[in-house]
Amino acid sequence: MRPDAVGDSRMGALAQPIVLSVIVVNYNGGDRFVRCIASIFEHLPEAAVQVIISDNASVDGSAERAAALHPEVELLRNESNLGLCRAFNRGLRRAQGEYVLSLDNDTRVLTGALDRLIRYLDTNQQAGAAGGRLLNPDMTLQRTARGQPSAWNGLFGRRSFLTRLFPGNPFTKRYLMVEHTDANQPFEVDWSSLAALIVRRNVLNSIDGLDEDYFVYWSDADLCARIRRRGWKIYSVPTAQIVHDESLAGRKGRQSTKMVVDFHKGAYRHYVRNQLRGIWRFPLMLVAFAGLSLRAACIIGYGYGAQWVRQWRTEPR
C-alpha cells in the first residue's frame, strides 16, 4: 500500500485540495477500530478528506485489516506504543488538510457529522476547535463537552462515586454543562474530548500539536487550554453525532494500574500548568499531588480488593 494512495474524489483527488485530515491513533483496536475506519468512508463529507492511521505497534492485525479494506488510508507504523500524543503528532506531521479531526479508534461516525464539523469552522472564524456530540452505544449522551476543571472534580468528576450518588450536585452540573443537555445549536465550552475534536491545522501547528508530556489522559484538556490562551474559542456541535464505545470492553473488570496512574498524572500536570498562578502556587501543588496520589491509591486498592473478593466467592468450598 502506498502511503499517499488516493481513491474516491473526496479522498484527496488532484482536482481538490484536502480540506479535512482525519487522524486515528490505534492500539489493538480490533473490530471496533475496523468499524471506526469503515464509518468514515461510509459517511464521507463533501470536501476532500485524508485519513491517517497512526498505529502503536498493534499485534492484533487491526491496522492491516483496516488498510486492506480501505487502501486510501495512510498507515503509519510506530515501533512501539507511543501513547496518544506522540502518535497523534506523527500523524499531524503528515496532515495536509485545512482542518484536522482527532478520532478515537472506538468511535463510529454518524451521517452528516463530518460535514457539520467542517461547516461550523468554515462559518465561525473565532472557533479554533469544535467537538462532536459523543454518544454511548445505546445513544445516550456521554457529556464530554465540559467546563473548566477544578479541584472539586477529584470528588465530583464525570464517573466519580459521589457524582453517581449525587448526580444533581452543583459541581458536576457546572463541570458537565448539563444546561446544554438538549441543545441543538453549538455552544461554547472550556474543553471537549479528543475522541472527536476538529481543530484548525494552523492552530495545531502554532502550539506544536499535543503536549507529549501527556501519554493519554488530560491531553485534550491541556490542548484546549493552550488553544484558548491563543485567543481562539472552543465549541460543541450537538448535531455532529459520533458513537463512542469508550473502551467499554476494557472496563468490565478492574481498571489497569497503568491507566489509573496515567489519569492522575495527567490531572496533576494539567492543574499545575494551566490553572495554578500566584503566591499560592507551590503549596497548592503539594496539596494537589497528595490528594491525587491518595485518590489513585484508593482506586487501585479498591480494584484489587474487589477482584480478590470475586475470586474468593467463585472458588470451590
C-alpha atoms as a PDB file:
ATOM      1  CA  MET A   1       0.000   0.000   0.000  1.00  0.00           C
ATOM      2  CA  ARG A   2       1.416   3.402  -0.948  1.00  0.00           C
ATOM      3  CA  PRO A   3       1.346   5.934   1.915  1.00  0.00           C
ATOM      4  CA  ASP A   4      -0.073   8.569  -0.440  1.00  0.00           C
ATOM      5  CA  ALA A   5      -2.628   6.338  -2.155  1.00  0.00           C
ATOM      6  CA  VAL A   6      -5.875   8.015  -3.192  1.00  0.00           C
ATOM      7  CA  GLY A   7      -9.195   6.690  -4.403  1.00  0.00           C
ATOM      8  CA  ASP A   8     -12.543   8.436  -4.144  1.00  0.00           C
ATOM      9  CA  SER A   9     -12.544  12.031  -5.428  1.00  0.00           C
ATOM     10  CA  ARG A  10     -13.213  13.175  -1.880  1.00  0.00           C
ATOM     11  CA  MET A  11     -10.118  11.341  -0.646  1.00  0.00           C
ATOM     12  CA  GLY A  12      -7.707  13.948  -1.995  1.00  0.00           C
ATOM     13  CA  ALA A  13      -8.029  13.756  -5.783  1.00  0.00           C
ATOM     14  CA  LEU A  14      -5.821  16.100  -7.789  1.00  0.00           C
ATOM     15  CA  ALA A  15      -8.705  18.456  -8.620  1.00  0.00           C
ATOM     16  CA  GLN A  16      -9.489  19.120  -4.947  1.00  0.00           C
ATOM     17  CA  PRO A  17      -7.227  20.373  -2.182  1.00  0.00           C
ATOM     18  CA  ILE A  18      -7.596  18.346   1.006  1.00  0.00           C
ATOM     19  CA  VAL A  19      -9.901  20.104   3.456  1.00  0.00           C
ATOM     20  CA  LEU A  20     -10.014  17.564   6.306  1.00  0.00           C
ATOM     21  CA  SER A  21      -7.299  15.290   7.662  1.00  0.00           C
ATOM     22  CA  VAL A  22      -8.648  12.602   9.995  1.00  0.00           C
ATOM     23  CA  ILE A  23      -6.091  11.133  12.407  1.00  0.00           C
ATOM     24  CA  VAL A  24      -6.949   7.898  14.223  1.00  0.00           C
ATOM     25  CA  VAL A  25      -4.443   6.543  16.743  1.00  0.00           C
ATOM     26  CA  ASN A  26      -4.792   2.787  17.089  1.00  0.00           C
ATOM     27  CA  TYR A  27      -3.510   0.272  19.615  1.00  0.00           C
ATOM     28  CA  ASN A  28      -5.013  -3.210  19.301  1.00  0.00           C
ATOM     29  CA  GLY A  29      -8.406  -1.729  18.477  1.00  0.00           C
ATOM     30  CA  GLY A  30      -9.776  -4.933  16.970  1.00  0.00           C
ATOM     31  CA  ASP A  31     -13.179  -4.960  15.318  1.00  0.00           C
ATOM     32  CA  ARG A  32     -14.170  -1.626  16.814  1.00  0.00           C
ATOM     33  CA  PHE A  33     -11.254   0.079  15.087  1.00  0.00           C
ATOM     34  CA  VAL A  34     -12.099  -1.546  11.753  1.00  0.00           C
ATOM     35  CA  ARG A  35     -15.684  -0.316  12.158  1.00  0.00           C
ATOM     36  CA  CYS A  36     -14.385   3.160  13.012  1.00  0.00           C
ATOM     37  CA  ILE A  37     -12.447   3.442   9.745  1.00  0.00           C
ATOM     38  CA  ALA A  38     -15.365   1.973   7.795  1.00  0.00           C
ATOM     39  CA  SER A  39     -17.715   4.589   9.275  1.00  0.00           C
ATOM     40  CA  ILE A  40     -15.506   7.418   7.998  1.00  0.00           C
ATOM     41  CA  PHE A  41     -15.710   6.090   4.452  1.00  0.00           C
ATOM     42  CA  GLU A  42     -19.416   5.366   4.781  1.00  0.00           C
ATOM     43  CA  HIS A  43     -20.107   8.967   5.799  1.00  0.00           C
ATOM     44  CA  LEU A  44     -17.513  10.944   3.855  1.00  0.00           C
ATOM     45  CA  PRO A  45     -18.148  14.697   3.754  1.00  0.00           C
ATOM     46  CA  GLU A  46     -18.494  16.658   0.544  1.00  0.00           C
ATOM     47  CA  ALA A  47     -14.973  18.057   0.967  1.00  0.00           C
ATOM     48  CA  ALA A  48     -11.781  16.152   0.133  1.00  0.00           C
ATOM     49  CA  VAL A  49     -10.541  14.002   3.023  1.00  0.00           C
ATOM     50  CA  GLN A  50      -7.246  12.435   4.059  1.00  0.00           C
ATOM     51  CA  VAL A  51      -7.394   9.543   6.567  1.00  0.00           C
ATOM     52  CA  ILE A  52      -4.262   8.809   8.583  1.00  0.00           C
ATOM     53  CA  ILE A  53      -3.856   5.792  10.876  1.00  0.00           C
ATOM     54  CA  SER A  54      -1.050   6.121  13.408  1.00  0.00           C
ATOM     55  CA  ASP A  55      -0.687   2.571  14.731  1.00  0.00           C
ATOM     56  CA  ASN A  56       1.133   1.978  18.011  1.00  0.00           C
ATOM     57  CA  ALA A  57       2.665  -1.414  17.173  1.00  0.00           C
ATOM     58  CA  SER A  58      -0.653  -3.287  17.372  1.00  0.00           C
ATOM     59  CA  VAL A  59      -0.341  -7.076  17.383  1.00  0.00           C
ATOM     60  CA  ASP A  60      -3.988  -7.897  16.667  1.00  0.00           C
ATOM     61  CA  GLY A  61      -3.800  -7.165  12.921  1.00  0.00           C
ATOM     62  CA  SER A  62      -6.462  -4.440  13.171  1.00  0.00           C
ATOM     63  CA  ALA A  63      -4.392  -1.794  11.354  1.00  0.00           C
ATOM     64  CA  GLU A  64      -3.633  -4.149   8.486  1.00  0.00           C
ATOM     65  CA  ARG A  65      -7.286  -5.180   8.206  1.00  0.00           C
ATOM     66  CA  ALA A  66      -8.475  -1.577   8.036  1.00  0.00           C
ATOM     67  CA  ALA A  67      -5.802  -0.648   5.495  1.00  0.00           C
ATOM     68  CA  ALA A  68      -6.613  -3.655   3.316  1.00  0.00           C
ATOM     69  CA  LEU A  69     -10.306  -2.754   3.278  1.00  0.00           C
ATOM     70  CA  HIS A  70      -9.572   0.932   2.607  1.00  0.00           C
ATOM     71  CA  PRO A  71      -6.312   1.299   0.639  1.00  0.00           C
ATOM     72  CA  GLU A  72      -6.831   5.073   0.502  1.00  0.00           C
ATOM     73  CA  VAL A  73      -5.664   5.450   4.106  1.00  0.00           C
ATOM     74  CA  GLU A  74      -2.144   6.436   5.076  1.00  0.00           C
ATOM     75  CA  LEU A  75      -0.822   3.895   7.568  1.00  0.00           C
ATOM     76  CA  LEU A  76       1.973   4.982   9.878  1.00  0.00           C
ATOM     77  CA  ARG A  77       3.530   2.065  11.767  1.00  0.00           C
ATOM     78  CA  ASN A  78       5.068   3.086  15.072  1.00  0.00           C
ATOM     79  CA  GLU A  79       7.725   0.786  16.505  1.00  0.00           C
ATOM     80  CA  SER A  80       6.182   0.745  19.976  1.00  0.00           C
ATOM     81  CA  ASN A  81       3.179   2.039  21.902  1.00  0.00           C
ATOM     82  CA  LEU A  82       3.940   5.753  21.794  1.00  0.00           C
ATOM     83  CA  GLY A  83       0.743   6.734  23.571  1.00  0.00           C
ATOM     84  CA  LEU A  84      -1.890   9.030  22.153  1.00  0.00           C
ATOM     85  CA  CYS A  85       0.020  12.301  21.987  1.00  0.00           C
ATOM     86  CA  ARG A  86       3.239  11.213  20.299  1.00  0.00           C
ATOM     87  CA  ALA A  87       1.339   9.007  17.847  1.00  0.00           C
ATOM     88  CA  PHE A  88      -1.103  11.804  17.021  1.00  0.00           C
ATOM     89  CA  ASN A  89       1.728  14.250  16.413  1.00  0.00           C
ATOM     90  CA  ARG A  90       3.317  11.782  13.983  1.00  0.00           C
ATOM     91  CA  GLY A  91       0.056  11.834  12.048  1.00  0.00           C
ATOM     92  CA  LEU A  92      -0.149  15.618  12.303  1.00  0.00           C
ATOM     93  CA  ARG A  93       3.187  15.957  10.524  1.00  0.00           C
ATOM     94  CA  ARG A  94       1.614  14.150   7.558  1.00  0.00           C
ATOM     95  CA  ALA A  95      -1.664  16.078   7.635  1.00  0.00           C
ATOM     96  CA  GLN A  96      -2.422  18.253   4.616  1.00  0.00           C
ATOM     97  CA  GLY A  97      -5.957  19.414   5.380  1.00  0.00           C
ATOM     98  CA  GLU A  98      -7.050  22.851   6.469  1.00  0.00           C
ATOM     99  CA  TYR A  99      -8.692  21.112   9.415  1.00  0.00           C
ATOM    100  CA  VAL A 100      -7.555  18.122  11.476  1.00  0.00           C
ATOM    101  CA  LEU A 101     -10.021  15.766  13.148  1.00  0.00           C
ATOM    102  CA  SER A 102      -8.888  13.565  16.020  1.00  0.00           C
ATOM    103  CA  LEU A 103     -10.970  10.394  16.299  1.00  0.00           C
ATOM    104  CA  ASP A 104     -10.645   7.657  18.911  1.00  0.00           C
ATOM    105  CA  ASN A 105     -10.274   4.169  17.484  1.00  0.00           C
ATOM    106  CA  ASP A 106     -13.508   3.067  19.174  1.00  0.00           C
ATOM    107  CA  THR A 107     -15.761   5.698  17.600  1.00  0.00           C
ATOM    108  CA  ARG A 108     -18.286   5.450  14.767  1.00  0.00           C
ATOM    109  CA  VAL A 109     -19.095   8.491  12.645  1.00  0.00           C
ATOM    110  CA  LEU A 110     -22.808   9.020  12.006  1.00  0.00           C
ATOM    111  CA  THR A 111     -24.482  10.586   8.977  1.00  0.00           C
ATOM    112  CA  GLY A 112     -23.542  14.220   8.357  1.00  0.00           C
ATOM    113  CA  ALA A 113     -21.211  14.548  11.347  1.00  0.00           C
ATOM    114  CA  LEU A 114     -18.080  15.390   9.364  1.00  0.00           C
ATOM    115  CA  ASP A 115     -19.879  17.846   7.094  1.00  0.00           C
ATOM    116  CA  ARG A 116     -21.329  19.673  10.101  1.00  0.00           C
ATOM    117  CA  LEU A 117     -17.979  19.977  11.866  1.00  0.00           C
ATOM    118  CA  ILE A 118     -16.297  21.317   8.730  1.00  0.00           C
ATOM    119  CA  ARG A 119     -19.152  23.717   8.055  1.00  0.00           C
ATOM    120  CA  TYR A 120     -19.006  25.081  11.595  1.00  0.00           C
ATOM    121  CA  LEU A 121     -15.321  26.008  11.353  1.00  0.00           C
ATOM    122  CA  ASP A 122     -15.884  27.373   7.842  1.00  0.00           C
ATOM    123  CA  THR A 123     -18.520  29.798   9.077  1.00  0.00           C
ATOM    124  CA  ASN A 124     -17.186  30.689  12.547  1.00  0.00           C
ATOM    125  CA  GLN A 125     -13.782  32.284  12.297  1.00  0.00           C
ATOM    126  CA  GLN A 126     -13.431  32.719  16.057  1.00  0.00           C
ATOM    127  CA  ALA A 127     -13.634  28.948  16.585  1.00  0.00           C
ATOM    128  CA  GLY A 128     -10.239  27.301  16.900  1.00  0.00           C
ATOM    129  CA  ALA A 129     -11.735  23.864  17.563  1.00  0.00           C
ATOM    130  CA  ALA A 130     -15.091  22.133  17.785  1.00  0.00           C
ATOM    131  CA  GLY A 131     -16.131  18.839  19.333  1.00  0.00           C
ATOM    132  CA  GLY A 132     -18.750  16.439  18.080  1.00  0.00           C
ATOM    133  CA  ARG A 133     -21.521  15.193  20.334  1.00  0.00           C
ATOM    134  CA  LEU A 134     -20.325  11.843  21.694  1.00  0.00           C
ATOM    135  CA  LEU A 135     -22.942   9.192  22.363  1.00  0.00           C
ATOM    136  CA  ASN A 136     -22.813   5.845  24.145  1.00  0.00           C
ATOM    137  CA  PRO A 137     -23.667   2.773  22.051  1.00  0.00           C
ATOM    138  CA  ASP A 138     -27.222   2.990  23.465  1.00  0.00           C
ATOM    139  CA  MET A 139     -27.353   6.583  22.073  1.00  0.00           C
ATOM    140  CA  THR A 140     -27.323   8.246  25.480  1.00  0.00           C
ATOM    141  CA  LEU A 141     -25.155  11.346  25.957  1.00  0.00           C
ATOM    142  CA  GLN A 142     -21.583  10.923  27.221  1.00  0.00           C
ATOM    143  CA  ARG A 143     -21.210  14.537  28.432  1.00  0.00           C
ATOM    144  CA  THR A 144     -17.710  15.096  27.113  1.00  0.00           C
ATOM    145  CA  ALA A 145     -18.198  18.820  26.446  1.00  0.00           C
ATOM    146  CA  ARG A 146     -17.079  20.343  29.696  1.00  0.00           C
ATOM    147  CA  GLY A 147     -16.454  23.481  31.689  1.00  0.00           C
ATOM    148  CA  GLN A 148     -13.242  24.482  33.402  1.00  0.00           C
ATOM    149  CA  PRO A 149     -11.967  21.620  35.600  1.00  0.00           C
ATOM    150  CA  SER A 150     -11.235  22.397  39.229  1.00  0.00           C
ATOM    151  CA  ALA A 151     -10.034  20.628  42.360  1.00  0.00           C
ATOM    152  CA  TRP A 152     -13.662  19.649  43.031  1.00  0.00           C
ATOM    153  CA  ASN A 153     -13.576  17.324  40.032  1.00  0.00           C
ATOM    154  CA  GLY A 154     -11.480  14.918  42.083  1.00  0.00           C
ATOM    155  CA  LEU A 155     -14.657  14.286  44.068  1.00  0.00           C
ATOM    156  CA  PHE A 156     -17.322  15.223  41.515  1.00  0.00           C
ATOM    157  CA  GLY A 157     -15.867  14.079  38.180  1.00  0.00           C
ATOM    158  CA  ARG A 158     -17.754  12.516  35.286  1.00  0.00           C
ATOM    159  CA  ARG A 159     -17.545   8.984  36.681  1.00  0.00           C
ATOM    160  CA  SER A 160     -16.769   9.565  40.347  1.00  0.00           C
ATOM    161  CA  PHE A 161     -18.630   7.757  43.122  1.00  0.00           C
ATOM    162  CA  LEU A 162     -20.061  10.992  44.532  1.00  0.00           C
ATOM    163  CA  THR A 163     -21.372  12.024  41.117  1.00  0.00           C
ATOM    164  CA  ARG A 164     -23.157   8.670  40.790  1.00  0.00           C
ATOM    165  CA  LEU A 165     -24.505   9.075  44.319  1.00  0.00           C
ATOM    166  CA  PHE A 166     -25.487  12.760  43.934  1.00  0.00           C
ATOM    167  CA  PRO A 167     -25.871  13.389  40.173  1.00  0.00           C
ATOM    168  CA  GLY A 168     -27.607  16.718  40.712  1.00  0.00           C
ATOM    169  CA  ASN A 169     -24.819  18.336  42.734  1.00  0.00           C
ATOM    170  CA  PRO A 170     -23.811  21.831  41.521  1.00  0.00           C
ATOM    171  CA  PHE A 171     -20.133  20.960  40.947  1.00  0.00           C
ATOM    172  CA  THR A 172     -20.923  18.163  38.498  1.00  0.00           C
ATOM    173  CA  LYS A 173     -23.709  20.118  36.802  1.00  0.00           C
ATOM    174  CA  ARG A 174     -21.406  23.077  36.154  1.00  0.00           C
ATOM    175  CA  TYR A 175     -18.478  20.922  35.004  1.00  0.00           C
ATOM    176  CA  LEU A 176     -20.564  18.729  32.676  1.00  0.00           C
ATOM    177  CA  MET A 177     -22.586  21.734  31.426  1.00  0.00           C
ATOM    178  CA  VAL A 178     -25.879  19.950  31.960  1.00  0.00           C
ATOM    179  CA  GLU A 179     -27.818  23.064  30.935  1.00  0.00           C
ATOM    180  CA  HIS A 180     -26.866  22.162  27.357  1.00  0.00           C
ATOM    181  CA  THR A 181     -28.058  18.550  27.540  1.00  0.00           C
ATOM    182  CA  ASP A 182     -30.830  19.095  24.988  1.00  0.00           C
ATOM    183  CA  ALA A 183     -29.039  21.746  22.943  1.00  0.00           C
ATOM    184  CA  ASN A 184     -29.439  21.665  19.171  1.00  0.00           C
ATOM    185  CA  GLN A 185     -27.275  24.716  18.494  1.00  0.00           C
ATOM    186  CA  PRO A 186     -23.487  24.948  19.006  1.00  0.00           C
ATOM    187  CA  PHE A 187     -22.340  26.313  22.358  1.00  0.00           C
ATOM    188  CA  GLU A 188     -19.009  27.407  23.787  1.00  0.00           C
ATOM    189  CA  VAL A 189     -17.141  25.049  26.128  1.00  0.00           C
ATOM    190  CA  ASP A 190     -13.862  25.159  28.011  1.00  0.00           C
ATOM    191  CA  TRP A 191     -12.742  21.834  26.602  1.00  0.00           C
ATOM    192  CA  SER A 192     -14.014  18.885  24.612  1.00  0.00           C
ATOM    193  CA  SER A 193     -12.811  15.313  24.228  1.00  0.00           C
ATOM    194  CA  LEU A 194     -10.154  14.383  21.674  1.00  0.00           C
ATOM    195  CA  ALA A 195     -12.299  11.354  20.877  1.00  0.00           C
ATOM    196  CA  ALA A 196     -13.945  13.602  18.263  1.00  0.00           C
ATOM    197  CA  LEU A 197     -12.362  17.047  18.060  1.00  0.00           C
ATOM    198  CA  ILE A 198     -11.786  19.074  14.884  1.00  0.00           C
ATOM    199  CA  VAL A 199      -9.066  21.752  15.045  1.00  0.00           C
ATOM    200  CA  ARG A 200      -7.688  24.215  12.525  1.00  0.00           C
ATOM    201  CA  ARG A 201      -4.344  22.840  11.365  1.00  0.00           C
ATOM    202  CA  ASN A 202      -2.655  26.238  11.578  1.00  0.00           C
ATOM    203  CA  VAL A 203      -3.764  26.446  15.223  1.00  0.00           C
ATOM    204  CA  LEU A 204      -2.376  22.988  15.981  1.00  0.00           C
ATOM    205  CA  ASN A 205       0.905  23.829  14.277  1.00  0.00           C
ATOM    206  CA  SER A 206       1.205  27.118  16.166  1.00  0.00           C
ATOM    207  CA  ILE A 207       1.172  25.248  19.504  1.00  0.00           C
ATOM    208  CA  ASP A 208       3.208  22.238  18.295  1.00  0.00           C
ATOM    209  CA  GLY A 209       0.289  19.810  18.430  1.00  0.00           C
ATOM    210  CA  LEU A 210      -0.410  17.727  21.508  1.00  0.00           C
ATOM    211  CA  ASP A 211       1.879  18.046  24.515  1.00  0.00           C
ATOM    212  CA  GLU A 212       3.923  14.839  24.512  1.00  0.00           C
ATOM    213  CA  ASP A 213       4.474  15.039  28.262  1.00  0.00           C
ATOM    214  CA  TYR A 214       0.988  13.504  28.430  1.00  0.00           C
ATOM    215  CA  PHE A 215       0.551   9.846  27.484  1.00  0.00           C
ATOM    216  CA  VAL A 216      -3.235   9.754  27.015  1.00  0.00           C
ATOM    217  CA  TYR A 217      -5.369  11.278  29.751  1.00  0.00           C
ATOM    218  CA  TRP A 218      -5.939  15.047  30.094  1.00  0.00           C
ATOM    219  CA  SER A 219      -4.114  15.817  26.853  1.00  0.00           C
ATOM    220  CA  ASP A 220      -7.389  17.160  25.433  1.00  0.00           C
ATOM    221  CA  ALA A 221      -7.986  19.499  28.364  1.00  0.00           C
ATOM    222  CA  ASP A 222      -4.421  20.769  28.012  1.00  0.00           C
ATOM    223  CA  LEU A 223      -4.794  21.214  24.246  1.00  0.00           C
ATOM    224  CA  CYS A 224      -7.987  23.232  24.589  1.00  0.00           C
ATOM    225  CA  ALA A 225      -6.449  25.387  27.346  1.00  0.00           C
ATOM    226  CA  ARG A 226      -3.497  26.245  25.084  1.00  0.00           C
ATOM    227  CA  ILE A 227      -5.815  26.988  22.150  1.00  0.00           C
ATOM    228  CA  ARG A 228      -7.901  29.318  24.291  1.00  0.00           C
ATOM    229  CA  ARG A 229      -4.801  31.150  25.528  1.00  0.00           C
ATOM    230  CA  ARG A 230      -4.072  31.988  21.883  1.00  0.00           C
ATOM    231  CA  GLY A 231      -7.410  33.796  21.706  1.00  0.00           C
ATOM    232  CA  TRP A 232      -9.444  31.084  19.979  1.00  0.00           C
ATOM    233  CA  LYS A 233     -12.711  29.623  21.253  1.00  0.00           C
ATOM    234  CA  ILE A 234     -13.798  26.004  21.670  1.00  0.00           C
ATOM    235  CA  TYR A 235     -17.318  24.869  20.764  1.00  0.00           C
ATOM    236  CA  SER A 236     -19.502  21.795  20.893  1.00  0.00           C
ATOM    237  CA  VAL A 237     -21.606  20.994  17.809  1.00  0.00           C
ATOM    238  CA  PRO A 238     -24.559  18.866  19.005  1.00  0.00           C
ATOM    239  CA  THR A 239     -25.747  17.911  15.517  1.00  0.00           C
ATOM    240  CA  ALA A 240     -22.370  16.304  14.687  1.00  0.00           C
ATOM    241  CA  GLN A 241     -23.070  12.972  16.349  1.00  0.00           C
ATOM    242  CA  ILE A 242     -20.474  10.252  16.858  1.00  0.00           C
ATOM    243  CA  VAL A 243     -20.875   6.997  18.777  1.00  0.00           C
ATOM    244  CA  HIS A 244     -18.065   6.306  21.231  1.00  0.00           C
ATOM    245  CA  ASP A 245     -17.663   2.823  22.678  1.00  0.00           C
ATOM    246  CA  GLU A 246     -15.116   4.303  25.107  1.00  0.00           C
ATOM    247  CA  SER A 247     -13.182   1.058  25.627  1.00  0.00           C
ATOM    248  CA  LEU A 248     -16.196  -0.495  27.289  1.00  0.00           C
ATOM    249  CA  ALA A 249     -14.786  -3.987  26.898  1.00  0.00           C
ATOM    250  CA  GLY A 250     -11.682  -2.956  28.811  1.00  0.00           C
ATOM    251  CA  ARG A 251     -13.716  -1.503  31.684  1.00  0.00           C
ATOM    252  CA  LYS A 252     -15.729  -4.601  32.560  1.00  0.00           C
ATOM    253  CA  GLY A 253     -13.145  -5.590  35.124  1.00  0.00           C
ATOM    254  CA  ARG A 254     -10.588  -3.811  37.288  1.00  0.00           C
ATOM    255  CA  GLN A 255      -9.013  -0.737  35.710  1.00  0.00           C
ATOM    256  CA  SER A 256      -5.332  -1.316  34.984  1.00  0.00           C
ATOM    257  CA  THR A 257      -2.888   0.305  37.356  1.00  0.00           C
ATOM    258  CA  LYS A 258      -1.164   1.971  34.407  1.00  0.00           C
ATOM    259  CA  MET A 259      -4.416   3.635  33.293  1.00  0.00           C
ATOM    260  CA  VAL A 260      -5.191   4.900  36.797  1.00  0.00           C
ATOM    261  CA  VAL A 261      -1.685   6.274  37.284  1.00  0.00           C
ATOM    262  CA  ASP A 262      -1.674   7.947  33.854  1.00  0.00           C
ATOM    263  CA  PHE A 263      -5.058   9.556  34.540  1.00  0.00           C
ATOM    264  CA  HIS A 264      -3.903  11.074  37.824  1.00  0.00           C
ATOM    265  CA  LYS A 265      -0.504  12.124  36.495  1.00  0.00           C
ATOM    266  CA  GLY A 266      -2.274  13.887  33.636  1.00  0.00           C
ATOM    267  CA  ALA A 267      -4.716  15.581  36.013  1.00  0.00           C
ATOM    268  CA  TYR A 268      -1.833  16.868  38.156  1.00  0.00           C
ATOM    269  CA  ARG A 269       0.138  18.111  35.156  1.00  0.00           C
ATOM    270  CA  HIS A 270      -2.886  19.909  33.701  1.00  0.00           C
ATOM    271  CA  TYR A 271      -3.779  21.506  37.040  1.00  0.00           C
ATOM    272  CA  VAL A 272      -0.251  22.752  37.667  1.00  0.00           C
ATOM    273  CA  ARG A 273       0.405  24.017  34.136  1.00  0.00           C
ATOM    274  CA  ASN A 274      -2.932  25.550  33.287  1.00  0.00           C
ATOM    275  CA  GLN A 275      -4.640  26.589  36.490  1.00  0.00           C
ATOM    276  CA  LEU A 276      -2.153  27.456  39.230  1.00  0.00           C
ATOM    277  CA  ARG A 277      -0.974  31.054  39.408  1.00  0.00           C
ATOM    278  CA  GLY A 278       0.244  33.466  42.072  1.00  0.00           C
ATOM    279  CA  ILE A 279       1.760  33.117  45.504  1.00  0.00           C
ATOM    280  CA  TRP A 280      -0.254  30.010  46.438  1.00  0.00           C
ATOM    281  CA  ARG A 281       1.117  28.008  43.510  1.00  0.00           C
ATOM    282  CA  PHE A 282       3.686  25.932  45.405  1.00  0.00           C
ATOM    283  CA  PRO A 283       1.553  24.927  48.429  1.00  0.00           C
ATOM    284  CA  LEU A 284      -1.371  24.103  46.141  1.00  0.00           C
ATOM    285  CA  MET A 285       0.940  21.935  44.046  1.00  0.00           C
ATOM    286  CA  LEU A 286       1.739  19.908  47.160  1.00  0.00           C
ATOM    287  CA  VAL A 287      -1.923  19.628  48.121  1.00  0.00           C
ATOM    288  CA  ALA A 288      -2.871  18.532  44.598  1.00  0.00           C
ATOM    289  CA  PHE A 289      -0.063  15.966  44.483  1.00  0.00           C
ATOM    290  CA  ALA A 290      -1.065  14.496  47.843  1.00  0.00           C
ATOM    291  CA  GLY A 291      -4.774  14.454  47.022  1.00  0.00           C
ATOM    292  CA  LEU A 292      -4.403  12.898  43.585  1.00  0.00           C
ATOM    293  CA  SER A 293      -1.895  10.329  44.861  1.00  0.00           C
ATOM    294  CA  LEU A 294      -4.306   9.306  47.611  1.00  0.00           C
ATOM    295  CA  ARG A 295      -7.197   9.113  45.145  1.00  0.00           C
ATOM    296  CA  ALA A 296      -5.185   6.937  42.764  1.00  0.00           C
ATOM    297  CA  ALA A 297      -4.090   4.637  45.605  1.00  0.00           C
ATOM    298  CA  CYS A 298      -7.714   4.240  46.766  1.00  0.00           C
ATOM    299  CA  ILE A 299      -8.923   3.348  43.260  1.00  0.00           C
ATOM    300  CA  ILE A 300      -6.106   0.852  42.710  1.00  0.00           C
ATOM    301  CA  GLY A 301      -6.596  -0.669  46.173  1.00  0.00           C
ATOM    302  CA  TYR A 302     -10.355  -0.931  45.699  1.00  0.00           C
ATOM    303  CA  GLY A 303      -9.846  -2.614  42.327  1.00  0.00           C
ATOM    304  CA  TYR A 304      -7.520  -5.259  43.710  1.00  0.00           C
ATOM    305  CA  GLY A 305      -9.771  -5.777  46.729  1.00  0.00           C
ATOM    306  CA  ALA A 306     -12.886  -6.225  44.602  1.00  0.00           C
ATOM    307  CA  GLN A 307     -11.013  -8.640  42.333  1.00  0.00           C
ATOM    308  CA  TRP A 308      -9.902 -10.700  45.335  1.00  0.00           C
ATOM    309  CA  VAL A 309     -13.474 -10.838  46.689  1.00  0.00           C
ATOM    310  CA  ARG A 310     -14.807 -12.028  43.303  1.00  0.00           C
ATOM    311  CA  GLN A 311     -12.179 -14.745  43.109  1.00  0.00           C
ATOM    312  CA  TRP A 312     -12.824 -15.822  46.702  1.00  0.00           C
ATOM    313  CA  ARG A 313     -16.554 -16.116  46.039  1.00  0.00           C
ATOM    314  CA  THR A 314     -16.042 -18.240  42.939  1.00  0.00           C
ATOM    315  CA  GLU A 315     -13.517 -20.626  44.479  1.00  0.00           C
ATOM    316  CA  PRO A 316     -14.953 -24.075  45.313  1.00  0.00           C
ATOM    317  CA  ARG A 317     -15.566 -24.684  49.021  1.00  0.00           C
END
